[in-house]
Amino acid sequence: MENDRFDIKEKEGVSFMTDAIVIVDKETGVNYLYVCRGYGGGLTPLLDAEGKPIVTKWYR
């Protein structure tokens, strides 16, 4: 089953076996940072200088 709610906005290889991926929720426009290394990873919302989530408005 394909999930159309999330979109990969940007992907960058940080170092060997480590990727940083910016994912956008198409329903809310909120940007998340997913960092994976080997078999582990973590996900967090991207925040602006005021601590508010970064929202890509063209998804809304």
Protein backbone atom coordinates (compact mmCIF):
# COMPACT_ATOMS: atom_id res chain seq x y z
CA MET A 1 0.00 0.00 0.00
CA GLU A 2 1.41 3.37 -1.00
CA ASN A 3 1.33 6.21 1.51
CA ASP A 4 0.71 9.57 -0.16
CA ARG A 5 0.68 11.70 3.00
CA PHE A 6 4.45 12.26 3.28
CA ASP A 7 6.92 13.59 0.73
CA ILE A 8 10.71 13.56 0.77
CA LYS A 9 11.71 17.18 0.28
CA GLU A 10 15.48 16.80 0.57
CA LYS A 11 17.98 13.98 1.12
CA GLU A 12 21.65 14.38 1.90
CA GLY A 13 24.40 11.93 2.71
CA VAL A 14 26.09 13.33 5.81
CA SER A 15 28.81 10.72 6.17
CA PHE A 16 29.38 7.02 5.57
CA MET A 17 26.11 5.17 6.30
CA THR A 18 24.45 8.36 7.61
CA ASP A 19 21.64 10.18 5.80
CA ALA A 20 19.67 13.29 6.71
CA ILE A 21 16.23 13.45 5.13
CA VAL A 22 13.69 16.29 5.28
CA ILE A 23 10.16 14.90 5.13
CA VAL A 24 7.04 17.04 4.66
CA ASP A 25 3.58 16.06 5.90
CA LYS A 26 1.34 16.95 2.94
CA GLU A 27 -1.72 17.46 5.17
CA THR A 28 -0.15 19.91 7.63
CA GLY A 29 2.93 21.15 5.73
CA VAL A 30 5.12 20.47 8.80
CA ASN A 31 8.77 19.63 8.02
CA TYR A 32 10.52 16.80 9.86
CA LEU A 33 14.17 15.80 9.97
CA TYR A 34 14.91 12.09 9.87
CA VAL A 35 18.52 11.04 10.46
CA CYS A 36 19.45 7.41 9.96
CA ARG A 37 22.73 5.67 10.56
CA GLY A 38 23.10 1.95 9.99
CA TYR A 39 20.14 0.30 11.70
CA GLY A 40 19.17 3.27 13.90
CA GLY A 41 17.45 6.57 13.29
CA GLY A 42 15.54 9.46 14.77
CA LEU A 43 12.76 11.81 13.74
CA THR A 44 12.09 15.37 14.96
CA PRO A 45 10.11 18.36 13.68
CA LEU A 46 12.21 21.18 12.24
CA LEU A 47 11.77 24.39 14.26
CA ASP A 48 12.34 28.04 13.42
CA ALA A 49 14.22 30.53 15.65
CA GLU A 50 11.09 31.06 17.78
CA GLY A 51 10.61 27.33 18.39
CA LYS A 52 7.62 27.00 16.04
CA PRO A 53 7.45 24.16 13.50
CA ILE A 54 8.62 25.00 9.99
CA VAL A 55 5.63 24.74 7.66
CA THR A 56 5.93 24.50 3.89
CA LYS A 57 2.88 26.50 2.84
CA TRP A 58 2.55 25.18 -0.72
CA TYR A 59 1.47 21.79 0.68
CA ARG A 60 -1.59 23.32 2.33
